[in-house]
Amino acid sequence: MQKIIFSALITVLLVGMSWGKRTIPDDFSKETKECLECHKDDNVGLYQQWGDSKHYSANVGCYECHMAKKGDKDILKDEDHKAFSIATIVSPKDCGRCHEKEVDEFINSHHSKAGRIMGSLDNLLAEVVEGNNDFKTKAHPEGVSAAAVNGCWQCHGSQIEVDEKTGKLDPATWPNSGIGRINPDGSEGSCSACHSRHSFSVELARQPENCGKCHLGPDHPQLEIYNESKHGIAYNANKDKMNLASSKWVVGEDYSAAPTCATCHMSATPDLPVTHNVGLRIKWNNRPVHSKLSHKTDEKWGLESAKFSSNKRRKDMEKVCIACHQKTFTDNFFTQYEGLLSLYDEKYAKPGEELYKLAQAVLKTTSSYAPFSEAVDYTWFELWHHEGRRARHAASMQAPDYTHWHGTYDLAKHWNSKYIPELREIIHRFKDDEKATKQVKALEKGLDKVLNSPNHKWSINKEDPKTKAIREKNQKAFKARYK
């Protein structure tokens, strides 16, 4: 009897669910319904992701996002799409048809400008030093570096190239969800870099791992720094209390167990609205050799957000902190952080940059020198681009191990064990070269000045006696305390 009832139940379920058959709701546009006739079977994963999204419940389908205008470069011209004007890329301009405020904030942010790295020092590394031009496509018959295509461009964004005969995207530049992608319609950015298609889950976008696609590694290890910090530890222990799917998601109201990257840089507080400009709560830009006030970077890039001063940005970030912390705690934290910025700049960045310029002047007296052909090029680059950034970023996010052992310790170690010896080696190598006499003397004088400065004279056994005496006194007191 039980077997008969069970069999009958299974039959009812199979018939009721049209087992193996996917139905299309009636409320979508006729264009989207036609798209789904194929894509619901050919791209089941995408169809299911979209089916779980807020777009689905709002009757926003394939055509509403992928429709193209007459004259768009990337209109697909294959047999399957000839009935409608369809483009593969959904750009910020397309998203802006519904999400105007969010897109306006995003295109005024550093994120949307990330593709501008393509002319930078980092790009020289990927294009020339690391790579070659053997990766050739129709759009790039002269070739591009596979190191750049698979590395730099996937975070920073590529310039999407289109075959105008077919509307298909060139394989050197697509697939690409780089956040500063340069789209065929001229817009900069990619919303799907954070809001992964086709679910566009806000819960996913709020998790730190989402930012970790790009914000990790030796030069900007924000994800690793976050995981080490008290914030990251609290988040990983309390994920179930984070209320990540909440529409409102106000820190201190909807959750208080921990912040994520989105909490501090984007999400709402009792005093602040959500913003898609991730730089509007950051006072210091720690990317360059020397930390810069962030509104100055925005001025350089011609962004409207330059009108928001760095001090205002700091005050807005403090509003996030105060949702969970006391004001004294918050104020003192920022004092500690800026103390580290000052240390880095005065002890390493300023003298290091000056010495590197003097060393390059010597090296350029020979026609065989090219950037990154000498050990000193890599050492200086990593001092500021890797170790200096790590120390600054880690201090900004309260990660002591990264600040010290991966930051200031590595700075000191490589400054003394690699950089200074390499500068001395250049002086020795070129000291008898008549073409470099003037440049060698300048480097020698500059190095002597730095080594005899208060920050570095300890390394030539000239530490200030008073400073040394105070340290020794403190050491004795420490030992006496624990006898």
Protein backbone atom coordinates (compact mmCIF):
# COMPACT_ATOMS: atom_id res chain seq x y z
CA MET A 1 0.00 0.00 0.00
CA GLN A 2 2.81 2.40 0.90
CA LYS A 3 4.55 1.64 -2.41
CA ILE A 4 1.37 2.46 -4.36
CA ILE A 5 0.90 5.81 -2.53
CA PHE A 6 4.59 6.71 -3.04
CA SER A 7 4.41 5.90 -6.76
CA ALA A 8 1.25 7.96 -7.16
CA LEU A 9 2.85 10.92 -5.38
CA ILE A 10 5.92 10.82 -7.64
CA THR A 11 3.68 10.72 -10.73
CA VAL A 12 1.74 13.78 -9.55
CA LEU A 13 4.98 15.68 -8.86
CA LEU A 14 6.44 14.84 -12.26
CA VAL A 15 3.31 15.89 -14.12
CA GLY A 16 2.82 19.03 -12.03
CA MET A 17 6.40 20.19 -12.51
CA SER A 18 6.56 19.29 -16.23
CA TRP A 19 9.72 17.39 -15.35
CA GLY A 20 12.70 18.50 -17.49
CA LYS A 21 10.72 21.35 -19.07
CA ARG A 22 11.28 25.03 -18.18
CA THR A 23 8.36 27.39 -18.56
CA ILE A 24 8.56 31.12 -19.33
CA PRO A 25 6.38 33.48 -17.26
CA ASP A 26 3.81 35.58 -19.15
CA ASP A 27 4.80 38.97 -17.69
CA PHE A 28 8.03 39.47 -19.66
CA SER A 29 8.39 41.38 -22.91
CA LYS A 30 7.95 39.44 -26.13
CA GLU A 31 11.62 40.07 -26.95
CA THR A 32 12.80 38.57 -23.66
CA LYS A 33 10.45 35.61 -24.14
CA GLU A 34 12.04 34.94 -27.49
CA CYS A 35 15.53 35.14 -25.98
CA LEU A 36 14.51 32.65 -23.33
CA GLU A 37 13.21 30.13 -25.84
CA CYS A 38 16.84 29.28 -26.53
CA HIS A 39 18.76 30.45 -23.48
CA LYS A 40 16.64 28.62 -20.91
CA ASP A 41 17.87 25.35 -22.42
CA ASP A 42 21.25 26.34 -23.89
CA ASN A 43 22.47 28.33 -20.87
CA VAL A 44 20.74 26.70 -17.91
CA GLY A 45 23.15 28.12 -15.32
CA LEU A 46 22.62 31.70 -16.47
CA TYR A 47 18.88 31.17 -16.68
CA GLN A 48 18.77 29.85 -13.11
CA GLN A 49 20.94 32.67 -11.76
CA TRP A 50 18.67 35.24 -13.40
CA GLY A 51 15.62 33.36 -12.12
CA ASP A 52 16.85 33.87 -8.55
CA SER A 53 17.54 37.58 -9.04
CA LYS A 54 15.60 40.73 -8.23
CA HIS A 55 15.62 41.48 -11.95
CA TYR A 56 13.46 38.42 -12.51
CA SER A 57 10.92 39.49 -9.91
CA ALA A 58 10.86 43.00 -11.45
CA ASN A 59 10.20 41.58 -14.96
CA VAL A 60 13.61 42.72 -16.21
CA GLY A 61 14.83 40.13 -18.67
CA CYS A 62 17.47 39.48 -21.32
CA TYR A 63 16.30 42.09 -23.80
CA GLU A 64 15.87 44.87 -21.25
CA CYS A 65 19.60 44.66 -20.42
CA HIS A 66 21.15 43.50 -23.70
CA MET A 67 19.16 45.57 -26.19
CA ALA A 68 21.34 47.71 -28.45
CA LYS A 69 20.68 50.94 -30.31
CA LYS A 70 21.05 51.38 -34.03
CA GLY A 71 24.66 52.21 -34.80
CA ASP A 72 26.13 50.44 -31.75
CA LYS A 73 29.39 48.76 -32.70
CA ASP A 74 28.72 45.49 -30.88
CA ILE A 75 25.31 44.54 -32.26
CA LEU A 76 25.38 40.79 -32.89
CA LYS A 77 24.84 40.01 -36.55
CA ASP A 78 24.64 36.22 -36.44
CA GLU A 79 21.66 34.19 -37.62
CA ASP A 80 20.31 33.58 -34.10
CA HIS A 81 20.01 37.29 -33.24
CA LYS A 82 18.94 38.90 -36.50
CA ALA A 83 15.38 39.55 -35.27
CA PHE A 84 16.52 42.03 -32.59
CA SER A 85 19.37 44.44 -31.91
CA ILE A 86 21.34 42.63 -29.20
CA ALA A 87 24.78 43.35 -27.72
CA THR A 88 26.91 41.05 -25.58
CA ILE A 89 28.30 43.80 -23.34
CA VAL A 90 26.01 45.37 -20.76
CA SER A 91 27.78 48.63 -19.98
CA PRO A 92 27.19 51.20 -17.21
CA LYS A 93 25.24 53.24 -19.77
CA ASP A 94 22.86 50.31 -20.14
CA CYS A 95 22.53 49.82 -16.37
CA GLY A 96 21.96 53.58 -16.05
CA ARG A 97 18.63 53.30 -17.81
CA CYS A 98 17.26 52.08 -14.47
CA HIS A 99 20.08 52.72 -11.99
CA GLU A 100 20.90 56.32 -12.85
CA LYS A 101 22.12 57.45 -9.42
CA GLU A 102 24.30 54.40 -8.85
CA VAL A 103 25.91 54.68 -12.28
CA ASP A 104 26.54 58.41 -11.87
CA GLU A 105 28.36 57.72 -8.60
CA PHE A 106 30.30 54.83 -10.10
CA ILE A 107 31.55 56.67 -13.20
CA ASN A 108 32.89 59.41 -10.90
CA SER A 109 34.88 56.88 -8.90
CA HIS A 110 38.43 55.53 -9.10
CA HIS A 111 36.97 52.12 -9.91
CA SER A 112 35.62 53.19 -13.29
CA LYS A 113 38.99 54.75 -14.19
CA ALA A 114 41.02 51.61 -13.42
CA GLY A 115 41.49 50.92 -17.15
CA ARG A 116 43.76 53.93 -17.39
CA ILE A 117 46.57 51.75 -16.05
CA MET A 118 47.18 50.66 -19.63
CA GLY A 119 49.75 53.41 -20.10
CA SER A 120 51.36 53.08 -16.67
CA LEU A 121 54.56 51.58 -15.29
CA ASP A 122 52.70 48.40 -14.34
CA ASN A 123 51.67 47.97 -17.96
CA LEU A 124 55.30 48.25 -19.10
CA LEU A 125 56.03 45.30 -16.83
CA ALA A 126 53.25 43.14 -18.25
CA GLU A 127 53.76 44.16 -21.88
CA VAL A 128 57.55 44.13 -22.13
CA VAL A 129 59.37 42.87 -19.04
CA GLU A 130 57.11 39.88 -18.30
CA GLY A 131 55.59 39.30 -21.72
CA ASN A 132 55.95 39.60 -25.48
CA ASN A 133 53.72 40.34 -28.48
CA ASP A 134 53.08 36.76 -29.56
CA PHE A 135 49.35 36.77 -28.68
CA LYS A 136 47.80 37.89 -31.98
CA THR A 137 44.12 38.33 -32.82
CA LYS A 138 42.14 40.00 -35.57
CA ALA A 139 41.93 43.24 -33.57
CA HIS A 140 45.59 42.99 -32.56
CA PRO A 141 47.48 41.66 -35.60
CA GLU A 142 50.68 43.22 -34.23
CA GLY A 143 50.22 41.20 -31.06
CA VAL A 144 49.70 41.87 -27.36
CA SER A 145 51.13 40.32 -24.22
CA ALA A 146 49.24 37.33 -22.81
CA ALA A 147 50.53 38.43 -19.39
CA ALA A 148 48.56 41.68 -19.69
CA VAL A 149 45.47 40.03 -21.21
CA ASN A 150 45.18 37.38 -18.49
CA GLY A 151 46.49 39.49 -15.63
CA CYS A 152 46.29 43.28 -15.55
CA TRP A 153 43.31 43.64 -17.87
CA GLN A 154 41.12 41.20 -15.94
CA CYS A 155 41.08 43.49 -12.89
CA HIS A 156 41.70 46.92 -14.39
CA GLY A 157 39.73 46.30 -17.58
CA SER A 158 40.60 46.00 -21.25
CA GLN A 159 39.54 48.18 -24.14
CA ILE A 160 36.90 46.01 -25.76
CA GLU A 161 37.49 45.51 -29.49
CA VAL A 162 34.64 44.50 -31.83
CA ASP A 163 34.53 42.77 -35.20
CA GLU A 164 32.17 45.20 -36.92
CA LYS A 165 31.12 42.61 -39.52
CA THR A 166 29.78 40.19 -36.91
CA GLY A 167 29.47 42.28 -33.76
CA LYS A 168 31.50 39.66 -31.91
CA LEU A 169 34.11 40.64 -29.35
CA ASP A 170 37.83 40.08 -29.90
CA PRO A 171 39.33 37.28 -27.74
CA ALA A 172 42.22 39.47 -26.63
CA THR A 173 39.71 41.76 -24.91
CA TRP A 174 36.76 39.50 -24.04
CA PRO A 175 35.79 37.86 -21.70
CA ASN A 176 36.59 40.71 -19.33
CA SER A 177 34.87 42.02 -16.22
CA GLY A 178 37.65 44.43 -15.25
CA ILE A 179 36.15 47.24 -13.22
CA GLY A 180 37.62 49.96 -15.46
CA ARG A 181 36.79 48.22 -18.74
CA ILE A 182 36.47 50.55 -21.74
CA ASN A 183 33.26 49.55 -23.48
CA PRO A 184 32.31 49.77 -27.17
CA ASP A 185 29.80 52.55 -26.36
CA GLY A 186 32.64 54.68 -24.91
CA SER A 187 31.67 54.25 -21.26
CA GLU A 188 34.23 53.25 -18.64
CA GLY A 189 33.58 50.52 -16.10
CA SER A 190 31.83 47.24 -15.48
CA CYS A 191 28.99 46.89 -12.99
CA SER A 192 29.31 43.10 -13.18
CA ALA A 193 32.83 43.33 -11.74
CA CYS A 194 31.12 43.49 -8.34
CA HIS A 195 27.52 42.51 -9.13
CA SER A 196 28.27 39.16 -10.74
CA ARG A 197 25.94 38.37 -13.58
CA HIS A 198 23.28 37.09 -13.87
CA SER A 199 22.10 37.00 -10.28
CA PHE A 200 23.48 40.48 -9.40
CA SER A 201 23.24 39.46 -5.76
CA VAL A 202 23.61 42.27 -3.23
CA GLU A 203 24.50 39.63 -0.64
CA LEU A 204 27.47 38.54 -2.76
CA ALA A 205 28.56 42.12 -3.43
CA ARG A 206 28.69 42.88 0.31
CA GLN A 207 31.10 40.05 1.13
CA PRO A 208 34.85 40.82 1.35
CA GLU A 209 35.73 37.89 -0.92
CA ASN A 210 33.97 39.74 -3.73
CA CYS A 211 36.53 42.55 -3.50
CA GLY A 212 39.33 39.99 -3.19
CA LYS A 213 39.29 39.19 -6.90
CA CYS A 214 41.51 42.24 -7.35
CA HIS A 215 42.39 43.58 -3.90
CA LEU A 216 44.92 40.96 -2.83
CA GLY A 217 48.52 39.96 -3.49
CA PRO A 218 51.94 41.49 -2.84
CA ASP A 219 51.17 45.08 -3.80
CA HIS A 220 47.65 45.59 -2.41
CA PRO A 221 46.68 42.69 -0.13
CA GLN A 222 43.53 44.26 1.28
CA LEU A 223 41.69 40.93 1.50
CA GLU A 224 44.52 39.27 3.42
CA ILE A 225 44.88 42.40 5.58
CA TYR A 226 41.14 42.40 6.31
CA ASN A 227 41.14 38.69 7.23
CA GLU A 228 43.95 39.31 9.74
CA SER A 229 42.32 42.36 11.29
CA LYS A 230 39.87 42.33 14.18
CA HIS A 231 37.17 43.26 11.65
CA GLY A 232 37.88 40.22 9.47
CA ILE A 233 38.12 37.88 12.46
CA ALA A 234 34.74 39.12 13.72
CA TYR A 235 33.15 38.77 10.27
CA ASN A 236 34.35 35.20 9.76
CA ALA A 237 33.10 34.22 13.21
CA ASN A 238 29.72 35.91 12.76
CA LYS A 239 28.68 35.53 9.11
CA ASP A 240 25.31 34.22 10.22
CA LYS A 241 24.64 37.49 12.09
CA MET A 242 25.53 39.83 9.22
CA ASN A 243 22.04 40.06 7.66
CA LEU A 244 23.74 40.37 4.25
CA ALA A 245 20.54 40.01 2.22
CA SER A 246 18.81 42.96 3.93
CA SER A 247 17.67 45.69 1.54
CA LYS A 248 18.43 48.47 4.02
CA TRP A 249 21.59 47.06 5.67
CA VAL A 250 22.46 50.01 7.91
CA VAL A 251 25.48 49.38 10.13
CA GLY A 252 24.59 49.55 13.83
CA GLU A 253 20.91 48.87 13.04
CA ASP A 254 20.64 45.84 10.76
CA TYR A 255 23.94 44.35 11.89
CA SER A 256 26.74 45.13 14.35
CA ALA A 257 28.82 41.95 14.54
CA ALA A 258 31.45 43.17 12.05
CA PRO A 259 31.99 45.43 9.04
CA THR A 260 32.88 44.27 5.53
CA CYS A 261 34.65 46.26 2.79
CA ALA A 262 31.24 47.47 1.60
CA THR A 263 30.29 48.63 5.10
CA CYS A 264 33.12 51.12 5.34
CA HIS A 265 33.43 52.24 1.73
CA MET A 266 29.92 52.09 0.29
CA SER A 267 27.03 51.07 2.50
CA ALA A 268 24.59 53.09 4.57
CA THR A 269 25.07 54.31 8.13
CA PRO A 270 22.51 56.11 10.30
CA ASP A 271 24.00 59.37 8.92
CA LEU A 272 25.14 58.41 5.40
CA PRO A 273 23.41 57.00 2.32
CA VAL A 274 24.76 54.22 0.13
CA THR A 275 27.38 55.38 -2.39
CA HIS A 276 28.91 53.64 -5.42
CA ASN A 277 31.91 55.98 -5.34
CA VAL A 278 34.28 53.94 -3.17
CA GLY A 279 36.70 56.85 -2.72
CA LEU A 280 34.35 59.26 -0.98
CA ARG A 281 35.26 58.02 2.49
CA ILE A 282 39.01 57.77 1.90
CA LYS A 283 41.27 60.68 2.85
CA TRP A 284 44.57 59.26 1.58
CA ASN A 285 45.36 57.60 -1.73
CA ASN A 286 48.11 55.13 -0.77
CA ARG A 287 48.73 53.81 -4.27
CA PRO A 288 51.54 56.20 -5.41
CA VAL A 289 55.11 56.47 -4.18
CA HIS A 290 53.93 59.22 -1.81
CA SER A 291 50.46 59.09 -0.25
CA LYS A 292 48.28 61.82 -1.76
CA LEU A 293 45.10 63.49 -0.58
CA SER A 294 42.40 61.64 -2.47
CA HIS A 295 40.56 64.70 -3.78
CA LYS A 296 43.81 65.74 -5.47
CA THR A 297 43.81 62.47 -7.41
CA ASP A 298 40.21 63.15 -8.42
CA GLU A 299 41.23 66.63 -9.62
CA LYS A 300 43.97 65.11 -11.77
CA TRP A 301 41.46 62.73 -13.35
CA GLY A 302 38.86 65.45 -13.87
CA LEU A 303 36.25 63.83 -11.63
CA GLU A 304 33.31 65.77 -10.19
CA SER A 305 34.01 64.12 -6.85
CA ALA A 306 37.10 66.35 -6.52
CA LYS A 307 34.77 68.87 -4.88
CA PHE A 308 34.56 66.56 -1.84
CA SER A 309 37.60 67.50 0.21
CA SER A 310 39.76 64.83 1.81
CA ASN A 311 38.84 66.14 5.26
CA LYS A 312 35.13 65.69 4.50
CA ARG A 313 35.87 62.15 3.34
CA ARG A 314 37.65 61.47 6.62
CA LYS A 315 34.68 62.80 8.60
CA ASP A 316 32.33 60.54 6.63
CA MET A 317 34.53 57.52 7.32
CA GLU A 318 34.53 58.45 11.00
CA LYS A 319 30.72 58.29 10.92
CA VAL A 320 31.05 54.65 9.85
CA CYS A 321 33.53 53.92 12.65
CA ILE A 322 31.41 55.62 15.30
CA ALA A 323 28.48 53.35 14.46
CA CYS A 324 30.42 50.73 16.46
CA HIS A 325 33.33 52.52 18.20
CA GLN A 326 33.77 55.38 20.66
CA LYS A 327 34.99 58.75 19.32
CA THR A 328 38.27 58.64 21.28
CA PHE A 329 39.01 55.18 19.88
CA THR A 330 38.30 56.42 16.35
CA ASP A 331 40.33 59.63 16.67
CA ASN A 332 43.33 57.85 18.14
CA PHE A 333 43.25 55.18 15.43
CA PHE A 334 43.53 57.78 12.68
CA THR A 335 46.40 59.48 14.57
CA GLN A 336 48.27 56.16 14.67
CA TYR A 337 47.60 55.52 10.98
CA GLU A 338 48.86 58.91 9.83
CA GLY A 339 51.95 58.46 11.99
CA LEU A 340 52.79 55.40 9.90
CA LEU A 341 52.23 57.34 6.65
CA SER A 342 54.66 59.99 7.86
CA LEU A 343 57.27 57.40 8.86
CA TYR A 344 57.10 55.68 5.47
CA ASP A 345 57.36 58.92 3.51
CA GLU A 346 60.16 60.55 5.51
CA LYS A 347 62.34 57.49 6.05
CA TYR A 348 61.89 55.64 2.76
CA ALA A 349 59.82 57.30 0.02
CA LYS A 350 61.41 60.76 -0.15
CA PRO A 351 65.08 59.75 0.14
CA GLY A 352 64.50 56.55 -1.83
CA GLU A 353 62.97 58.33 -4.80
CA GLU A 354 65.73 60.95 -4.86
CA LEU A 355 68.45 58.28 -4.77
CA TYR A 356 66.73 56.31 -7.54
CA LYS A 357 66.67 59.36 -9.81
CA LEU A 358 70.38 59.90 -9.17
CA ALA A 359 71.11 56.22 -9.88
CA GLN A 360 69.11 56.32 -13.12
CA ALA A 361 71.07 59.38 -14.23
CA VAL A 362 74.25 57.31 -13.91
CA LEU A 363 72.77 54.29 -15.69
CA LYS A 364 71.44 56.43 -18.56
CA THR A 365 74.98 57.48 -19.48
CA THR A 366 75.19 54.15 -21.28
CA SER A 367 72.95 53.46 -24.29
CA SER A 368 72.28 49.86 -23.15
CA TYR A 369 70.21 50.83 -20.09
CA ALA A 370 66.45 50.20 -20.17
CA PRO A 371 63.97 50.44 -17.28
CA PHE A 372 63.84 47.17 -15.30
CA SER A 373 67.08 45.90 -16.80
CA GLU A 374 68.96 46.49 -13.53
CA ALA A 375 68.46 45.02 -10.05
CA VAL A 376 68.08 48.49 -8.54
CA ASP A 377 64.97 49.11 -10.72
CA TYR A 378 63.17 46.14 -9.19
CA THR A 379 64.34 46.89 -5.66
CA TRP A 380 63.10 50.49 -5.70
CA PHE A 381 59.83 49.49 -7.39
CA GLU A 382 59.10 46.85 -4.76
CA LEU A 383 60.11 49.13 -1.89
CA TRP A 384 57.29 51.56 -2.67
CA HIS A 385 54.92 49.51 -4.81
CA HIS A 386 54.92 46.38 -2.64
CA GLU A 387 56.34 46.88 0.85
CA GLY A 388 55.45 50.56 1.20
CA ARG A 389 51.90 49.98 0.03
CA ARG A 390 51.48 46.96 2.29
CA ALA A 391 52.56 48.92 5.34
CA ARG A 392 50.24 51.84 4.53
CA HIS A 393 47.22 49.74 3.58
CA ALA A 394 47.63 47.47 6.59
CA ALA A 395 47.87 50.39 9.02
CA SER A 396 44.70 51.85 7.50
CA MET A 397 42.84 48.59 8.23
CA GLN A 398 44.32 47.68 11.65
CA ALA A 399 46.36 44.64 10.60
CA PRO A 400 49.51 44.72 12.76
CA ASP A 401 51.31 41.70 11.29
CA TYR A 402 50.98 43.03 7.75
CA THR A 403 51.96 46.53 8.87
CA HIS A 404 55.15 45.23 10.48
CA TRP A 405 56.42 41.93 9.08
CA HIS A 406 55.07 42.34 5.54
CA GLY A 407 55.48 46.12 5.55
CA THR A 408 57.98 48.12 7.56
CA TYR A 409 60.24 45.12 8.28
CA ASP A 410 60.49 44.26 4.58
CA LEU A 411 61.07 47.94 3.81
CA ALA A 412 63.97 48.12 6.27
CA LYS A 413 65.43 44.75 5.26
CA HIS A 414 65.47 45.43 1.54
CA TRP A 415 66.52 49.05 1.96
CA ASN A 416 69.64 48.02 3.91
CA SER A 417 70.44 44.63 2.38
CA LYS A 418 69.61 45.35 -1.27
CA TYR A 419 68.94 48.98 -2.16
CA ILE A 420 71.94 50.66 -0.51
CA PRO A 421 74.41 47.94 -1.66
CA GLU A 422 73.06 48.18 -5.22
CA LEU A 423 73.54 51.95 -5.23
CA ARG A 424 77.10 51.49 -3.99
CA GLU A 425 77.70 48.90 -6.70
CA ILE A 426 76.58 51.39 -9.37
CA ILE A 427 78.99 53.99 -7.98
CA HIS A 428 81.81 51.44 -8.05
CA ARG A 429 80.97 50.24 -11.57
CA PHE A 430 80.88 53.70 -13.13
CA LYS A 431 83.50 55.53 -11.04
CA ASP A 432 86.14 55.38 -13.81
CA ASP A 433 83.71 56.13 -16.66
CA GLU A 434 84.43 59.66 -17.92
CA LYS A 435 80.91 60.01 -19.37
CA ALA A 436 79.39 59.41 -15.94
CA THR A 437 81.77 61.41 -13.70
CA LYS A 438 79.27 64.16 -12.86
CA GLN A 439 76.37 61.74 -12.30
CA VAL A 440 78.45 59.39 -10.11
CA LYS A 441 79.55 62.28 -7.89
CA ALA A 442 75.93 63.40 -7.49
CA LEU A 443 74.83 59.89 -6.52
CA GLU A 444 77.76 59.54 -4.11
CA LYS A 445 76.90 62.88 -2.46
CA GLY A 446 73.18 62.01 -2.27
CA LEU A 447 73.85 58.60 -0.72
CA ASP A 448 76.22 60.09 1.85
CA LYS A 449 73.59 62.68 2.80
CA VAL A 450 70.87 60.05 3.30
CA LEU A 451 73.08 57.69 5.30
CA ASN A 452 74.08 60.51 7.63
CA SER A 453 70.48 61.67 8.13
CA PRO A 454 68.71 61.09 11.50
CA ASN A 455 66.66 58.24 10.02
CA HIS A 456 69.60 56.23 8.67
CA LYS A 457 72.83 57.15 10.47
CA TRP A 458 72.34 54.20 12.83
CA SER A 459 73.24 51.98 9.82
CA ILE A 460 76.76 53.46 9.66
CA ASN A 461 77.12 53.27 13.46
CA LYS A 462 76.41 56.95 14.04
CA GLU A 463 73.24 56.68 16.06
CA ASP A 464 72.53 59.75 18.22
CA PRO A 465 74.04 59.00 21.69
CA LYS A 466 71.03 60.47 23.53
CA THR A 467 68.58 58.36 21.54
CA LYS A 468 70.71 55.28 22.09
CA ALA A 469 70.96 55.97 25.84
CA ILE A 470 67.19 56.32 26.20
CA ARG A 471 66.60 53.05 24.36
CA GLU A 472 69.16 51.22 26.51
CA LYS A 473 67.59 52.66 29.67
CA ASN A 474 64.16 51.42 28.58
CA GLN A 475 65.60 47.99 27.80
CA LYS A 476 67.08 47.73 31.31
CA ALA A 477 63.77 48.75 32.86
CA PHE A 478 61.97 46.15 30.78
CA LYS A 479 64.33 43.38 31.87
CA ALA A 480 64.09 44.45 35.54
CA ARG A 481 60.32 44.34 35.39
CA TYR A 482 60.32 40.65 34.47
CA LYS A 483 63.08 39.32 36.77
